């Protein structure tokens, strides 16, 4: 009688998968922020802010 559970595995809550997804999104935002920071503030390093 475990067949209905096998048909819909997406109904189960996967904490590891959720944490992995959050980590990947966080990493992507951090990398994008670093690239934008380097591209925008990098040329301005010589100037007095």
N, C-alpha and C. Protein backbone atom coordinates (compact mmCIF):
# COMPACT_ATOMS: atom_id res chain seq x y z
N UNK A 1 0.82 -1.20 0.00
CA UNK A 1 0.00 0.00 0.00
C UNK A 1 0.87 1.27 0.00
N UNK A 2 2.13 1.13 -0.28
CA UNK A 2 3.01 2.30 -0.34
C UNK A 2 3.08 2.87 -1.75
N UNK A 3 2.26 2.34 -2.65
CA UNK A 3 2.30 2.80 -4.04
C UNK A 3 1.83 4.25 -4.21
N UNK A 4 0.77 4.71 -3.53
CA UNK A 4 0.38 6.12 -3.69
C UNK A 4 1.48 7.08 -3.24
N UNK A 5 2.28 6.70 -2.25
CA UNK A 5 3.38 7.55 -1.81
C UNK A 5 4.44 7.65 -2.89
N UNK A 6 4.67 6.57 -3.65
CA UNK A 6 5.68 6.56 -4.69
C UNK A 6 5.24 7.40 -5.89
N UNK A 7 3.94 7.55 -6.08
CA UNK A 7 3.46 8.32 -7.24
C UNK A 7 3.65 9.82 -7.05
N UNK A 8 3.62 10.29 -5.81
CA UNK A 8 3.75 11.72 -5.55
C UNK A 8 4.85 11.99 -4.53
N UNK A 9 6.10 11.81 -4.90
CA UNK A 9 7.17 12.06 -3.92
C UNK A 9 7.37 13.55 -3.65
N UNK A 10 6.85 14.42 -4.55
CA UNK A 10 7.02 15.85 -4.36
C UNK A 10 6.19 16.38 -3.19
N UNK A 11 5.25 15.56 -2.68
CA UNK A 11 4.43 15.99 -1.56
C UNK A 11 5.22 15.93 -0.25
N UNK A 12 6.31 15.19 -0.22
CA UNK A 12 7.11 15.09 0.99
C UNK A 12 7.98 16.33 1.14
N UNK A 13 8.23 16.73 2.38
CA UNK A 13 9.06 17.90 2.65
C UNK A 13 10.52 17.46 2.76
N UNK A 14 11.35 18.01 1.91
CA UNK A 14 12.78 17.66 1.92
C UNK A 14 13.57 18.85 2.46
N UNK A 15 13.98 18.75 3.72
CA UNK A 15 14.71 19.85 4.35
C UNK A 15 16.07 20.05 3.68
N UNK A 16 16.74 18.96 3.37
CA UNK A 16 18.05 19.08 2.74
C UNK A 16 17.97 19.75 1.38
N UNK A 17 16.96 19.39 0.60
CA UNK A 17 16.79 20.00 -0.72
C UNK A 17 16.47 21.49 -0.60
N UNK A 18 15.64 21.84 0.39
CA UNK A 18 15.29 23.24 0.61
C UNK A 18 16.52 24.04 1.04
N UNK A 19 17.30 23.49 1.96
CA UNK A 19 18.51 24.19 2.41
C UNK A 19 19.51 24.32 1.27
N UNK A 20 19.62 23.30 0.45
CA UNK A 20 20.51 23.36 -0.70
C UNK A 20 20.08 24.43 -1.68
N UNK A 21 18.79 24.52 -1.94
CA UNK A 21 18.27 25.55 -2.86
C UNK A 21 18.53 26.94 -2.31
N UNK A 22 18.28 27.13 -1.00
CA UNK A 22 18.52 28.43 -0.38
C UNK A 22 20.01 28.77 -0.45
N UNK A 23 20.87 27.77 -0.22
CA UNK A 23 22.32 28.01 -0.26
C UNK A 23 22.75 28.41 -1.66
N UNK A 24 22.22 27.74 -2.69
CA UNK A 24 22.60 28.07 -4.07
C UNK A 24 22.13 29.48 -4.42
N UNK A 25 20.92 29.85 -4.02
CA UNK A 25 20.42 31.20 -4.30
C UNK A 25 21.28 32.23 -3.57
N UNK A 26 21.61 31.95 -2.31
CA UNK A 26 22.44 32.87 -1.53
C UNK A 26 23.82 33.02 -2.17
N UNK A 27 24.39 31.91 -2.61
CA UNK A 27 25.70 31.95 -3.25
C UNK A 27 25.65 32.74 -4.56
N UNK A 28 24.62 32.54 -5.34
CA UNK A 28 24.49 33.27 -6.61
C UNK A 28 24.35 34.77 -6.36
N UNK A 29 23.58 35.17 -5.37
CA UNK A 29 23.42 36.59 -5.05
C UNK A 29 24.74 37.16 -4.54
N UNK A 30 25.46 36.40 -3.73
CA UNK A 30 26.74 36.88 -3.22
C UNK A 30 27.75 37.07 -4.34
N UNK A 31 27.80 36.13 -5.28
CA UNK A 31 28.73 36.24 -6.40
C UNK A 31 28.35 37.43 -7.29
N UNK A 32 27.06 37.59 -7.58
CA UNK A 32 26.62 38.72 -8.38
C UNK A 32 26.93 40.03 -7.69
N UNK A 33 26.74 40.09 -6.39
CA UNK A 33 27.05 41.30 -5.64
C UNK A 33 28.54 41.61 -5.68
N UNK A 34 29.39 40.60 -5.57
CA UNK A 34 30.83 40.81 -5.62
C UNK A 34 31.25 41.31 -7.00
N UNK A 35 30.69 40.74 -8.04
CA UNK A 35 31.03 41.16 -9.41
C UNK A 35 30.59 42.60 -9.64
N UNK A 36 29.38 42.95 -9.23
CA UNK A 36 28.88 44.32 -9.41
C UNK A 36 29.71 45.28 -8.58
N UNK A 37 30.04 44.89 -7.35
CA UNK A 37 30.85 45.73 -6.49
C UNK A 37 32.21 45.98 -7.12
N UNK A 38 32.83 44.94 -7.65
CA UNK A 38 34.14 45.09 -8.29
C UNK A 38 34.05 45.95 -9.54
N UNK A 39 32.98 45.79 -10.31
CA UNK A 39 32.83 46.53 -11.56
C UNK A 39 32.52 48.00 -11.32
N UNK A 40 31.76 48.30 -10.28
CA UNK A 40 31.33 49.68 -10.04
C UNK A 40 32.32 50.43 -9.15
N UNK A 41 32.69 49.82 -8.03
CA UNK A 41 33.53 50.51 -7.06
C UNK A 41 35.01 50.37 -7.41
N UNK A 42 35.37 49.32 -8.14
CA UNK A 42 36.76 49.11 -8.51
C UNK A 42 37.39 50.31 -9.18
N UNK A 43 36.78 50.88 -10.23
CA UNK A 43 37.38 52.04 -10.88
C UNK A 43 37.39 53.29 -10.00
N UNK A 44 36.57 53.32 -8.94
CA UNK A 44 36.50 54.50 -8.09
C UNK A 44 37.44 54.42 -6.89
N UNK A 45 38.25 53.36 -6.80
CA UNK A 45 39.11 53.18 -5.62
C UNK A 45 40.09 54.34 -5.46
N UNK A 46 40.58 54.90 -6.55
CA UNK A 46 41.55 55.96 -6.47
C UNK A 46 40.96 57.29 -6.03
N UNK A 47 39.66 57.43 -6.13
CA UNK A 47 39.02 58.70 -5.78
C UNK A 47 38.71 58.76 -4.29
N UNK A 48 38.68 59.96 -3.76
CA UNK A 48 38.29 60.16 -2.36
C UNK A 48 36.77 60.14 -2.27
N UNK A 49 36.26 59.28 -1.40
CA UNK A 49 34.80 59.17 -1.29
C UNK A 49 34.30 60.03 -0.14
